[in-house]
């Protein structure tokens, strides 16, 4: 690949046999190396990765942020692109990443819009689009931060660009899968709040206010009704996520007392 800058593509995995082929296929046109950090998958993830000649590294999972920072540390090149296994680059986004690789001096980081496919339908509203994510950056200038499981790239710079094209996110194949993920993620979120010491009796008020407000925000303010039936489901389950998170936080707080 004849470009001015080389790029390391990074993916973390655990039992991603249904997604990883699509993800890696989309990275091939732009990446000079692909690194997959796997937390000991028991399905065909490793076998599929071997077809692409990636660097496959097994590493214990202690958190989304920690695992992604570990992957960054394994990169050969300073220009890094990080994707989740259920994401893929659109052709337009691939083309614009190649433009960045050919710049004399790229910016420190680049955001891209993420378009989510939910149960087979592309979601253009509901607060899910454009959902800009910073995923391409100079690893000398930034790192993964946030609060598990909601990680984000923290960049020590204001020189951030925006790439045309979409990061395609193939999220949930069924509503039951979404509900299962909500239960898992609210467990992680509540425990992260406890470990950070961010727990108080105000969470009783949030249990009452946050869920209905989340529904109103997603379905009405963010035009979720324009996404049809699944826009309604997303709003309902968004409300459920808030309710479940705050009652779990309240329960952890009660136990700690």
C-alpha atoms as a PDB file:
ATOM      1  CA  UNK A   1       0.000   0.000   0.000  1.00  0.00           C
ATOM      2  CA  UNK A   2       1.795   3.085  -1.296  1.00  0.00           C
ATOM      3  CA  UNK A   3       0.881   5.910   1.101  1.00  0.00           C
ATOM      4  CA  UNK A   4       2.765   8.496   3.134  1.00  0.00           C
ATOM      5  CA  UNK A   5       1.527   7.140   6.455  1.00  0.00           C
ATOM      6  CA  UNK A   6       1.012   3.555   7.592  1.00  0.00           C
ATOM      7  CA  UNK A   7      -2.003   2.592   9.652  1.00  0.00           C
ATOM      8  CA  UNK A   8      -2.610  -0.003  12.361  1.00  0.00           C
ATOM      9  CA  UNK A   9      -6.214  -1.259  12.575  1.00  0.00           C
ATOM     10  CA  UNK A  10      -7.279  -2.563  15.993  1.00  0.00           C
ATOM     11  CA  UNK A  11     -10.191  -4.819  16.965  1.00  0.00           C
ATOM     12  CA  UNK A  12     -11.035  -6.488  20.289  1.00  0.00           C
ATOM     13  CA  UNK A  13     -13.046  -9.700  20.200  1.00  0.00           C
ATOM     14  CA  UNK A  14     -14.807 -12.376  22.206  1.00  0.00           C
ATOM     15  CA  UNK A  15     -16.896 -14.958  20.342  1.00  0.00           C
ATOM     16  CA  UNK A  16     -17.430 -12.740  17.298  1.00  0.00           C
ATOM     17  CA  UNK A  17     -17.664 -15.395  14.574  1.00  0.00           C
ATOM     18  CA  UNK A  18     -20.857 -13.796  13.231  1.00  0.00           C
ATOM     19  CA  UNK A  19     -19.275 -10.355  12.782  1.00  0.00           C
ATOM     20  CA  UNK A  20     -15.503 -10.514  12.439  1.00  0.00           C
ATOM     21  CA  UNK A  21     -15.299 -11.514   8.736  1.00  0.00           C
ATOM     22  CA  UNK A  22     -17.287  -8.434   7.674  1.00  0.00           C
ATOM     23  CA  UNK A  23     -15.225  -6.176   9.942  1.00  0.00           C
ATOM     24  CA  UNK A  24     -11.830  -7.434   8.729  1.00  0.00           C
ATOM     25  CA  UNK A  25     -12.881  -7.395   5.081  1.00  0.00           C
ATOM     26  CA  UNK A  26     -13.675  -3.692   5.378  1.00  0.00           C
ATOM     27  CA  UNK A  27     -10.286  -2.973   6.984  1.00  0.00           C
ATOM     28  CA  UNK A  28      -8.149  -4.675   4.328  1.00  0.00           C
ATOM     29  CA  UNK A  29      -8.228  -1.753   1.834  1.00  0.00           C
ATOM     30  CA  UNK A  30      -6.938   0.783   4.399  1.00  0.00           C
ATOM     31  CA  UNK A  31      -4.821  -1.059   6.985  1.00  0.00           C
ATOM     32  CA  UNK A  32      -1.094  -1.828   6.816  1.00  0.00           C
ATOM     33  CA  UNK A  33      -1.527  -4.181   9.755  1.00  0.00           C
ATOM     34  CA  UNK A  34      -4.560  -5.533  11.575  1.00  0.00           C
ATOM     35  CA  UNK A  35      -4.303  -6.488  15.241  1.00  0.00           C
ATOM     36  CA  UNK A  36      -7.039  -8.515  16.918  1.00  0.00           C
ATOM     37  CA  UNK A  37      -6.914  -8.717  20.714  1.00  0.00           C
ATOM     38  CA  UNK A  38      -9.081 -11.629  21.758  1.00  0.00           C
ATOM     39  CA  UNK A  39     -10.223 -12.525  25.272  1.00  0.00           C
ATOM     40  CA  UNK A  40     -10.079 -16.300  24.701  1.00  0.00           C
ATOM     41  CA  UNK A  41     -12.990 -16.898  22.329  1.00  0.00           C
ATOM     42  CA  UNK A  42     -14.516 -20.369  22.311  1.00  0.00           C
ATOM     43  CA  UNK A  43     -16.099 -20.133  18.844  1.00  0.00           C
ATOM     44  CA  UNK A  44     -14.528 -19.800  15.357  1.00  0.00           C
ATOM     45  CA  UNK A  45     -13.279 -16.223  15.820  1.00  0.00           C
ATOM     46  CA  UNK A  46      -9.598 -17.202  15.747  1.00  0.00           C
ATOM     47  CA  UNK A  47      -9.993 -19.466  12.716  1.00  0.00           C
ATOM     48  CA  UNK A  48     -11.723 -16.712  10.740  1.00  0.00           C
ATOM     49  CA  UNK A  49      -9.041 -14.188  11.735  1.00  0.00           C
ATOM     50  CA  UNK A  50      -6.319 -16.561  10.523  1.00  0.00           C
ATOM     51  CA  UNK A  51      -7.775 -16.295   7.010  1.00  0.00           C
ATOM     52  CA  UNK A  52      -6.889 -12.584   7.008  1.00  0.00           C
ATOM     53  CA  UNK A  53      -3.330 -12.912   8.295  1.00  0.00           C
ATOM     54  CA  UNK A  54      -3.944 -10.636  11.267  1.00  0.00           C
ATOM     55  CA  UNK A  55      -1.811 -10.473  14.414  1.00  0.00           C
ATOM     56  CA  UNK A  56      -4.024 -12.436  16.788  1.00  0.00           C
ATOM     57  CA  UNK A  57      -3.204 -11.760  20.443  1.00  0.00           C
ATOM     58  CA  UNK A  58      -4.927 -13.470  23.359  1.00  0.00           C
ATOM     59  CA  UNK A  59      -5.278 -11.264  26.414  1.00  0.00           C
ATOM     60  CA  UNK A  60      -7.512 -11.508  29.530  1.00  0.00           C
ATOM     61  CA  UNK A  61     -10.464  -9.109  29.489  1.00  0.00           C
ATOM     62  CA  UNK A  62     -10.681  -6.752  32.481  1.00  0.00           C
ATOM     63  CA  UNK A  63     -12.758  -3.996  30.856  1.00  0.00           C
ATOM     64  CA  UNK A  64     -13.539  -2.427  27.482  1.00  0.00           C
ATOM     65  CA  UNK A  65     -11.283   0.583  28.092  1.00  0.00           C
ATOM     66  CA  UNK A  66      -8.388  -1.476  29.392  1.00  0.00           C
ATOM     67  CA  UNK A  67      -8.608  -3.996  26.537  1.00  0.00           C
ATOM     68  CA  UNK A  68      -8.703  -1.295  23.862  1.00  0.00           C
ATOM     69  CA  UNK A  69      -5.745   0.559  25.382  1.00  0.00           C
ATOM     70  CA  UNK A  70      -3.829  -2.714  25.435  1.00  0.00           C
ATOM     71  CA  UNK A  71      -4.575  -3.105  21.722  1.00  0.00           C
ATOM     72  CA  UNK A  72      -3.302   0.435  21.051  1.00  0.00           C
ATOM     73  CA  UNK A  73      -0.060  -0.442  22.827  1.00  0.00           C
ATOM     74  CA  UNK A  74       0.476  -3.366  20.417  1.00  0.00           C
ATOM     75  CA  UNK A  75       0.291  -1.172  17.301  1.00  0.00           C
ATOM     76  CA  UNK A  76       3.351  -0.808  15.102  1.00  0.00           C
ATOM     77  CA  UNK A  77       2.295   2.556  13.657  1.00  0.00           C
ATOM     78  CA  UNK A  78       1.227   5.785  15.358  1.00  0.00           C
ATOM     79  CA  UNK A  79      -1.800   6.267  13.093  1.00  0.00           C
ATOM     80  CA  UNK A  80      -4.407   3.890  14.542  1.00  0.00           C
ATOM     81  CA  UNK A  81      -7.964   3.003  13.587  1.00  0.00           C
ATOM     82  CA  UNK A  82     -10.080   1.195  16.182  1.00  0.00           C
ATOM     83  CA  UNK A  83     -13.263  -0.712  15.345  1.00  0.00           C
ATOM     84  CA  UNK A  84     -15.544  -2.974  17.312  1.00  0.00           C
ATOM     85  CA  UNK A  85     -16.044  -6.408  15.798  1.00  0.00           C
ATOM     86  CA  UNK A  86     -19.665  -5.603  14.894  1.00  0.00           C
ATOM     87  CA  UNK A  87     -18.610  -2.526  12.894  1.00  0.00           C
ATOM     88  CA  UNK A  88     -17.380  -2.100   9.308  1.00  0.00           C
ATOM     89  CA  UNK A  89     -16.212   0.748   7.074  1.00  0.00           C
ATOM     90  CA  UNK A  90     -18.423   1.931   4.221  1.00  0.00           C
ATOM     91  CA  UNK A  91     -16.705   2.307   0.838  1.00  0.00           C
ATOM     92  CA  UNK A  92     -16.904   6.107   1.092  1.00  0.00           C
ATOM     93  CA  UNK A  93     -15.274   6.016   4.517  1.00  0.00           C
ATOM     94  CA  UNK A  94     -12.520   3.703   3.217  1.00  0.00           C
ATOM     95  CA  UNK A  95     -11.751   6.164   0.421  1.00  0.00           C
ATOM     96  CA  UNK A  96     -11.517   9.100   2.813  1.00  0.00           C
ATOM     97  CA  UNK A  97      -9.251   7.221   5.222  1.00  0.00           C
ATOM     98  CA  UNK A  98      -6.888   6.611   2.303  1.00  0.00           C
ATOM     99  CA  UNK A  99      -6.915  10.362   1.638  1.00  0.00           C
ATOM    100  CA  UNK A 100      -5.827  10.975   5.251  1.00  0.00           C
ATOM    101  CA  UNK A 101      -3.000   8.453   4.881  1.00  0.00           C
ATOM    102  CA  UNK A 102      -1.666  10.447   1.948  1.00  0.00           C
ATOM    103  CA  UNK A 103      -1.686  13.840   3.659  1.00  0.00           C
ATOM    104  CA  UNK A 104       1.695  15.333   4.457  1.00  0.00           C
ATOM    105  CA  UNK A 105       0.617  16.131   8.025  1.00  0.00           C
ATOM    106  CA  UNK A 106      -2.709  14.580   9.121  1.00  0.00           C
ATOM    107  CA  UNK A 107      -4.694  16.104  11.966  1.00  0.00           C
ATOM    108  CA  UNK A 108      -4.378  14.519  15.399  1.00  0.00           C
ATOM    109  CA  UNK A 109      -7.704  12.724  15.100  1.00  0.00           C
ATOM    110  CA  UNK A 110     -10.792  12.171  12.968  1.00  0.00           C
ATOM    111  CA  UNK A 111     -14.425  11.507  13.789  1.00  0.00           C
ATOM    112  CA  UNK A 112     -16.819   9.566  11.593  1.00  0.00           C
ATOM    113  CA  UNK A 113     -20.598   9.119  11.648  1.00  0.00           C
ATOM    114  CA  UNK A 114     -21.860   5.757  12.846  1.00  0.00           C
ATOM    115  CA  UNK A 115     -24.965   4.287  11.227  1.00  0.00           C
ATOM    116  CA  UNK A 116     -26.580   1.444  13.157  1.00  0.00           C
ATOM    117  CA  UNK A 117     -28.471  -1.540  11.789  1.00  0.00           C
ATOM    118  CA  UNK A 118     -31.051  -2.733  14.331  1.00  0.00           C
ATOM    119  CA  UNK A 119     -32.874  -6.028  13.670  1.00  0.00           C
ATOM    120  CA  UNK A 120     -32.219  -5.564   9.949  1.00  0.00           C
ATOM    121  CA  UNK A 121     -33.289  -1.891   9.756  1.00  0.00           C
ATOM    122  CA  UNK A 122     -30.981   1.127   9.421  1.00  0.00           C
ATOM    123  CA  UNK A 123     -31.777   3.639  12.168  1.00  0.00           C
ATOM    124  CA  UNK A 124     -31.488   7.256  10.992  1.00  0.00           C
ATOM    125  CA  UNK A 125     -33.065   8.954  14.032  1.00  0.00           C
ATOM    126  CA  UNK A 126     -33.769   8.032  17.706  1.00  0.00           C
ATOM    127  CA  UNK A 127     -30.520   9.743  18.753  1.00  0.00           C
ATOM    128  CA  UNK A 128     -28.601   6.934  17.037  1.00  0.00           C
ATOM    129  CA  UNK A 129     -27.476   8.925  13.998  1.00  0.00           C
ATOM    130  CA  UNK A 130     -25.123  10.563  13.198  1.00  0.00           C
ATOM    131  CA  UNK A 131     -23.567   9.320  16.504  1.00  0.00           C
ATOM    132  CA  UNK A 132     -20.102  10.658  15.548  1.00  0.00           C
ATOM    133  CA  UNK A 133     -17.203   8.595  16.909  1.00  0.00           C
ATOM    134  CA  UNK A 134     -13.502   9.451  17.091  1.00  0.00           C
ATOM    135  CA  UNK A 135     -11.875   6.254  15.833  1.00  0.00           C
ATOM    136  CA  UNK A 136      -8.864   7.375  13.762  1.00  0.00           C
ATOM    137  CA  UNK A 137      -6.094   9.184  15.624  1.00  0.00           C
ATOM    138  CA  UNK A 138      -2.404   9.594  16.406  1.00  0.00           C
ATOM    139  CA  UNK A 139      -1.862   7.280  19.357  1.00  0.00           C
ATOM    140  CA  UNK A 140       0.807   9.639  20.708  1.00  0.00           C
ATOM    141  CA  UNK A 141      -1.939  12.232  21.234  1.00  0.00           C
ATOM    142  CA  UNK A 142      -4.782  10.198  22.754  1.00  0.00           C
ATOM    143  CA  UNK A 143      -6.014   7.101  24.580  1.00  0.00           C
ATOM    144  CA  UNK A 144      -9.202   5.254  25.464  1.00  0.00           C
ATOM    145  CA  UNK A 145     -11.070   6.704  28.452  1.00  0.00           C
ATOM    146  CA  UNK A 146     -14.640   7.154  29.671  1.00  0.00           C
ATOM    147  CA  UNK A 147     -16.496   4.830  32.021  1.00  0.00           C
ATOM    148  CA  UNK A 148     -16.978   1.129  31.231  1.00  0.00           C
ATOM    149  CA  UNK A 149     -18.772  -0.061  29.184  1.00  0.00           C
ATOM    150  CA  UNK A 150     -19.101   3.337  27.432  1.00  0.00           C
ATOM    151  CA  UNK A 151     -15.552   3.918  26.240  1.00  0.00           C
ATOM    152  CA  UNK A 152     -14.399   6.896  24.166  1.00  0.00           C
ATOM    153  CA  UNK A 153     -11.127   8.196  22.763  1.00  0.00           C
ATOM    154  CA  UNK A 154      -9.717  11.065  24.832  1.00  0.00           C
ATOM    155  CA  UNK A 155      -7.573  13.267  22.608  1.00  0.00           C
ATOM    156  CA  UNK A 156      -5.285  15.976  23.973  1.00  0.00           C
ATOM    157  CA  UNK A 157      -5.901  18.212  20.949  1.00  0.00           C
ATOM    158  CA  UNK A 158      -8.403  20.485  19.264  1.00  0.00           C
ATOM    159  CA  UNK A 159      -7.152  19.501  15.803  1.00  0.00           C
ATOM    160  CA  UNK A 160      -9.903  17.001  15.043  1.00  0.00           C
ATOM    161  CA  UNK A 161     -11.400  16.460  11.593  1.00  0.00           C
ATOM    162  CA  UNK A 162     -14.558  14.758  10.374  1.00  0.00           C
ATOM    163  CA  UNK A 163     -14.547  12.108   7.640  1.00  0.00           C
ATOM    164  CA  UNK A 164     -17.355  11.592   5.129  1.00  0.00           C
ATOM    165  CA  UNK A 165     -18.821   8.122   4.954  1.00  0.00           C
ATOM    166  CA  UNK A 166     -20.363   5.906   7.598  1.00  0.00           C
ATOM    167  CA  UNK A 167     -19.039   3.516  10.184  1.00  0.00           C
ATOM    168  CA  UNK A 168     -21.592   0.734   9.779  1.00  0.00           C
ATOM    169  CA  UNK A 169     -22.689  -0.742  13.098  1.00  0.00           C
ATOM    170  CA  UNK A 170     -24.489  -4.101  13.018  1.00  0.00           C
ATOM    171  CA  UNK A 171     -25.827  -3.994  16.546  1.00  0.00           C
ATOM    172  CA  UNK A 172     -28.660  -6.304  17.578  1.00  0.00           C
ATOM    173  CA  UNK A 173     -30.150  -9.085  15.464  1.00  0.00           C
ATOM    174  CA  UNK A 174     -33.124  -9.493  17.815  1.00  0.00           C
ATOM    175  CA  UNK A 175     -34.905  -7.614  20.578  1.00  0.00           C
ATOM    176  CA  UNK A 176     -34.064 -10.400  23.043  1.00  0.00           C
ATOM    177  CA  UNK A 177     -30.359  -9.903  22.259  1.00  0.00           C
ATOM    178  CA  UNK A 178     -30.776  -6.191  23.022  1.00  0.00           C
ATOM    179  CA  UNK A 179     -32.483  -6.927  26.356  1.00  0.00           C
ATOM    180  CA  UNK A 180     -29.711  -9.357  27.309  1.00  0.00           C
ATOM    181  CA  UNK A 181     -27.065  -6.737  26.480  1.00  0.00           C
ATOM    182  CA  UNK A 182     -28.905  -4.117  28.559  1.00  0.00           C
ATOM    183  CA  UNK A 183     -28.770  -6.407  31.586  1.00  0.00           C
ATOM    184  CA  UNK A 184     -25.029  -6.991  31.082  1.00  0.00           C
ATOM    185  CA  UNK A 185     -24.144  -3.344  30.424  1.00  0.00           C
ATOM    186  CA  UNK A 186     -26.176  -2.017  33.359  1.00  0.00           C
ATOM    187  CA  UNK A 187     -24.277  -4.409  35.635  1.00  0.00           C
ATOM    188  CA  UNK A 188     -20.981  -3.015  34.335  1.00  0.00           C
ATOM    189  CA  UNK A 189     -22.156   0.613  34.499  1.00  0.00           C
ATOM    190  CA  UNK A 190     -23.429   0.298  38.069  1.00  0.00           C
ATOM    191  CA  UNK A 191     -20.223  -1.340  39.288  1.00  0.00           C
ATOM    192  CA  UNK A 192     -18.139   1.352  37.528  1.00  0.00           C
ATOM    193  CA  UNK A 193     -20.114   4.069  39.331  1.00  0.00           C
ATOM    194  CA  UNK A 194     -19.534   2.305  42.649  1.00  0.00           C
ATOM    195  CA  UNK A 195     -15.795   1.905  42.058  1.00  0.00           C
ATOM    196  CA  UNK A 196     -15.546   5.602  41.152  1.00  0.00           C
ATOM    197  CA  UNK A 197     -17.348   6.599  44.326  1.00  0.00           C
ATOM    198  CA  UNK A 198     -20.122   8.334  42.369  1.00  0.00           C
ATOM    199  CA  UNK A 199     -23.097   7.077  44.357  1.00  0.00           C
ATOM    200  CA  UNK A 200     -25.575   9.056  46.469  1.00  0.00           C
ATOM    201  CA  UNK A 201     -29.220   9.111  47.507  1.00  0.00           C
ATOM    202  CA  UNK A 202     -29.989  11.317  44.490  1.00  0.00           C
ATOM    203  CA  UNK A 203     -30.231   8.110  42.485  1.00  0.00           C
ATOM    204  CA  UNK A 204     -33.705   7.596  43.978  1.00  0.00           C
ATOM    205  CA  UNK A 205     -34.820  10.738  42.137  1.00  0.00           C
ATOM    206  CA  UNK A 206     -33.077   9.605  38.953  1.00  0.00           C
ATOM    207  CA  UNK A 207     -34.979   6.303  39.059  1.00  0.00           C
ATOM    208  CA  UNK A 208     -38.206   8.310  38.776  1.00  0.00           C
ATOM    209  CA  UNK A 209     -37.114  10.961  36.266  1.00  0.00           C
ATOM    210  CA  UNK A 210     -34.497   9.445  33.947  1.00  0.00           C
ATOM    211  CA  UNK A 211     -36.525   6.583  32.351  1.00  0.00           C
ATOM    212  CA  UNK A 212     -39.528   8.645  31.128  1.00  0.00           C
ATOM    213  CA  UNK A 213     -37.255  11.473  30.010  1.00  0.00           C
ATOM    214  CA  UNK A 214     -35.147   9.020  27.996  1.00  0.00           C
ATOM    215  CA  UNK A 215     -38.264   7.813  26.174  1.00  0.00           C
ATOM    216  CA  UNK A 216     -39.409  11.363  25.405  1.00  0.00           C
ATOM    217  CA  UNK A 217     -35.952  12.339  24.216  1.00  0.00           C
ATOM    218  CA  UNK A 218     -35.489   9.351  21.888  1.00  0.00           C
ATOM    219  CA  UNK A 219     -38.997   8.990  20.516  1.00  0.00           C
ATOM    220  CA  UNK A 220     -40.123  12.619  20.233  1.00  0.00           C
ATOM    221  CA  UNK A 221     -37.187  15.044  20.439  1.00  0.00           C
ATOM    222  CA  UNK A 222     -34.803  12.794  18.455  1.00  0.00           C
ATOM    223  CA  UNK A 223     -37.604  11.823  16.011  1.00  0.00           C
ATOM    224  CA  UNK A 224     -37.583   8.139  16.879  1.00  0.00           C
ATOM    225  CA  UNK A 225     -41.164   7.865  15.596  1.00  0.00           C
ATOM    226  CA  UNK A 226     -39.724   8.298  12.079  1.00  0.00           C
ATOM    227  CA  UNK A 227     -37.882   4.985  12.522  1.00  0.00           C
ATOM    228  CA  UNK A 228     -41.242   3.227  12.749  1.00  0.00           C
ATOM    229  CA  UNK A 229     -41.818   0.185  14.944  1.00  0.00           C
ATOM    230  CA  UNK A 230     -38.155  -0.229  15.867  1.00  0.00           C
ATOM    231  CA  UNK A 231     -37.903   3.463  16.770  1.00  0.00           C
ATOM    232  CA  UNK A 232     -40.567   2.802  19.408  1.00  0.00           C
ATOM    233  CA  UNK A 233     -38.751  -0.309  20.653  1.00  0.00           C
ATOM    234  CA  UNK A 234     -35.445   1.600  20.884  1.00  0.00           C
ATOM    235  CA  UNK A 235     -37.124   4.348  22.929  1.00  0.00           C
ATOM    236  CA  UNK A 236     -38.784   1.853  25.286  1.00  0.00           C
ATOM    237  CA  UNK A 237     -35.585  -0.128  25.818  1.00  0.00           C
ATOM    238  CA  UNK A 238     -33.587   3.091  26.244  1.00  0.00           C
ATOM    239  CA  UNK A 239     -35.953   3.991  29.065  1.00  0.00           C
ATOM    240  CA  UNK A 240     -35.582   0.475  30.500  1.00  0.00           C
ATOM    241  CA  UNK A 241     -31.783   0.818  30.388  1.00  0.00           C
ATOM    242  CA  UNK A 242     -31.928   3.981  32.512  1.00  0.00           C
ATOM    243  CA  UNK A 243     -34.354   2.387  34.990  1.00  0.00           C
ATOM    244  CA  UNK A 244     -32.311  -0.781  35.355  1.00  0.00           C
ATOM    245  CA  UNK A 245     -29.003   1.099  35.709  1.00  0.00           C
ATOM    246  CA  UNK A 246     -30.228   3.348  38.493  1.00  0.00           C
ATOM    247  CA  UNK A 247     -31.994   0.646  40.505  1.00  0.00           C
ATOM    248  CA  UNK A 248     -28.798  -1.425  40.336  1.00  0.00           C
ATOM    249  CA  UNK A 249     -26.771   1.584  41.480  1.00  0.00           C
ATOM    250  CA  UNK A 250     -29.217   2.127  44.341  1.00  0.00           C
ATOM    251  CA  UNK A 251     -28.932  -1.544  45.299  1.00  0.00           C
ATOM    252  CA  UNK A 252     -25.124  -1.426  45.300  1.00  0.00           C
ATOM    253  CA  UNK A 253     -25.215   1.760  47.352  1.00  0.00           C
ATOM    254  CA  UNK A 254     -27.522   0.109  49.917  1.00  0.00           C
ATOM    255  CA  UNK A 255     -25.225  -2.902  50.182  1.00  0.00           C
ATOM    256  CA  UNK A 256     -22.167  -0.721  50.642  1.00  0.00           C
ATOM    257  CA  UNK A 257     -23.812   1.182  53.471  1.00  0.00           C
END
